[in-house]
Protein backbone atom coordinates (compact mmCIF):
# COMPACT_ATOMS: atom_id res chain seq x y z
CA MET A 1 0.18 0.09 0.02
CA GLY A 2 1.45 3.50 -0.86
CA ASP A 3 1.21 6.25 1.67
CA THR A 4 -1.86 8.18 1.50
CA THR A 5 -0.63 11.21 3.66
CA ASN A 6 2.36 11.81 1.73
CA ASP A 7 0.26 11.55 -1.51
CA GLU A 8 -2.27 13.88 -0.10
CA GLY A 9 0.57 16.33 0.91
CA GLN A 10 2.18 16.26 -2.60
CA VAL A 11 -1.46 16.95 -4.11
CA LEU A 12 -1.98 19.66 -1.67
CA VAL A 13 1.91 21.22 -2.62
CA GLU A 14 0.69 21.12 -6.16
CA LEU A 15 -2.49 22.97 -5.62
CA LEU A 16 -1.00 25.79 -3.49
CA ARG A 17 1.46 26.00 -6.11
CA PHE A 18 -0.98 26.32 -8.74
CA LEU A 19 -3.11 28.87 -6.80
CA GLU A 20 0.25 30.82 -6.32
CA ALA A 21 0.23 30.83 -10.22
CA ILE A 22 -3.32 32.52 -10.76
CA GLU A 23 -3.97 36.33 -10.69
CA PRO A 24 -5.82 37.48 -7.64
CA GLY A 25 -8.62 39.01 -9.91
CA THR A 26 -9.12 35.33 -11.29
CA LEU A 27 -9.53 33.85 -7.78
CA LEU A 28 -11.76 36.50 -6.90
CA SER A 29 -14.28 35.73 -9.73
CA THR A 30 -17.28 33.78 -9.58
CA SER A 31 -16.37 30.49 -8.21
CA ASP A 32 -17.65 28.75 -11.46
CA SER A 33 -14.59 30.18 -13.44
CA VAL A 34 -12.34 29.24 -11.01
CA PHE A 35 -13.70 25.61 -10.76
CA LYS A 36 -13.39 25.70 -14.89
CA LEU A 37 -10.06 26.76 -14.61
CA LEU A 38 -8.88 24.32 -12.10
CA GLY A 39 -10.98 21.55 -13.36
CA ASP A 40 -8.56 19.97 -16.17
CA GLU A 41 -5.84 17.94 -15.19
CA GLN A 42 -3.72 18.77 -18.16
CA ARG A 43 -4.33 22.36 -17.68
CA ARG A 44 -3.11 22.52 -13.90
CA HIS A 45 -0.08 20.55 -15.32
CA LEU A 46 0.33 23.32 -18.09
CA VAL A 47 0.27 25.93 -15.50
CA LEU A 48 2.69 24.34 -13.41
CA TYR A 49 5.17 23.85 -16.25
CA LEU A 50 4.98 27.22 -17.36
CA VAL A 51 5.42 28.93 -14.13
CA GLU A 52 8.92 26.80 -13.83
CA GLN A 53 10.18 28.12 -17.38
CA ASP A 54 12.36 31.16 -17.70
CA THR A 55 12.22 31.13 -21.34
CA PRO A 56 9.62 30.57 -24.36
CA THR A 57 9.14 27.18 -24.98
CA PRO A 58 7.97 25.33 -28.47
CA LEU A 59 4.73 24.32 -28.40
CA SER A 60 5.88 20.78 -29.32
CA ARG A 61 8.10 20.55 -26.16
CA VAL A 62 5.22 21.66 -24.07
CA ALA A 63 3.06 18.89 -25.28
CA LEU A 64 5.72 16.60 -24.58
CA ASP A 65 6.17 17.44 -21.26
CA ILE A 66 2.63 17.64 -20.31
CA THR A 67 1.89 14.16 -21.60
CA SER A 68 4.65 12.73 -20.00
CA ARG A 69 3.45 14.53 -16.46
CA CYS A 70 -0.24 13.41 -16.97
CA ASP A 71 0.77 9.86 -17.63
CA ASP A 72 3.51 9.79 -15.16
CA THR A 73 5.72 8.46 -17.94
CA PRO A 74 9.26 9.23 -19.00
CA TYR A 75 9.66 11.46 -22.18
CA THR A 76 10.96 8.38 -24.27
CA ASP A 77 7.55 6.43 -23.49
CA VAL A 78 5.53 9.28 -24.79
CA THR A 79 4.54 8.45 -28.79
CA PRO A 80 4.29 11.06 -31.35
CA ALA A 81 0.55 10.21 -31.40
CA GLU A 82 -0.19 11.03 -27.78
CA GLN A 83 2.27 14.05 -27.85
CA GLU A 84 0.27 15.33 -31.19
CA ARG A 85 -3.05 14.82 -29.39
CA THR A 86 -1.97 16.75 -26.11
CA ARG A 87 -0.71 19.66 -28.65
CA PHE A 88 -3.83 19.61 -30.40
CA ARG A 89 -5.75 20.01 -26.80
CA LEU A 90 -3.04 22.75 -25.95
CA GLU A 91 -3.66 24.48 -29.08
CA GLN A 92 -7.66 24.42 -29.10
CA GLU A 93 -8.42 24.51 -25.49
CA HIS A 94 -6.18 25.08 -22.76
CA LEU A 95 -3.95 27.74 -24.03
CA PRO A 96 -6.81 29.88 -25.10
CA ARG A 97 -8.34 29.38 -22.02
CA LEU A 98 -5.66 30.33 -19.85
CA ALA A 99 -5.20 33.34 -22.24
CA ASP A 100 -9.01 34.20 -21.77
CA TYR A 101 -8.47 34.13 -17.68
CA GLY A 102 -5.42 36.41 -18.16
CA VAL A 103 -3.09 33.75 -16.83
CA LEU A 104 -0.73 33.91 -19.88
CA SER A 105 -0.50 35.41 -23.16
CA TRP A 106 -1.15 33.49 -26.01
CA SER A 107 -2.77 33.74 -29.48
CA TYR A 108 -3.74 30.72 -31.75
CA GLY A 109 -0.76 30.02 -34.40
CA ASP A 110 2.02 31.05 -32.11
CA ASP A 111 4.40 28.04 -31.90
CA MET A 112 6.47 29.37 -28.91
CA VAL A 113 4.62 29.39 -25.43
CA GLU A 114 5.80 32.54 -23.01
CA PRO A 115 6.51 31.20 -19.64
CA ILE A 116 4.24 32.53 -17.23
CA PRO A 117 5.71 36.20 -15.83
CA LYS A 118 5.93 36.79 -12.24
CA THR A 119 3.60 39.32 -10.37
CA PRO A 120 4.46 41.54 -7.28
CA PHE A 121 2.28 38.99 -5.25
CA GLY A 122 4.93 36.38 -5.85
CA GLY A 123 2.41 34.55 -8.13
CA VAL A 124 2.19 34.98 -11.50
CA GLY A 125 -0.11 36.54 -14.02
CA ASN A 126 -0.92 38.49 -17.15
CA GLY A 127 0.97 41.64 -15.45
CA ALA A 128 -2.22 43.97 -15.98
């Protein structure tokens, strides 16, 4: 049996890191909006990944990393088809939604994904 206390602690740490990454205005918006933003595992991994980055990252590399994180597998085990499915979801769903919420700046057709800029609050946001 796994150590569920440790697993729950890790989930809490990841959730706190994610919440720190969201602009305060978004968190104060309607609860439905926050739940929609937090509701998808790939999107949570995407925000955590972009918070960790210091330079723009090619979309294909972001897709590889997000697939690896979500499936809890090494990069070498991610198939090109899995990576492409994730890239499609990033372009069509996750990146536009995060841009709509002001978490990041991204436009359809961009091949590079900018890291999420830091805010004065210690979290991240669009700097607005």
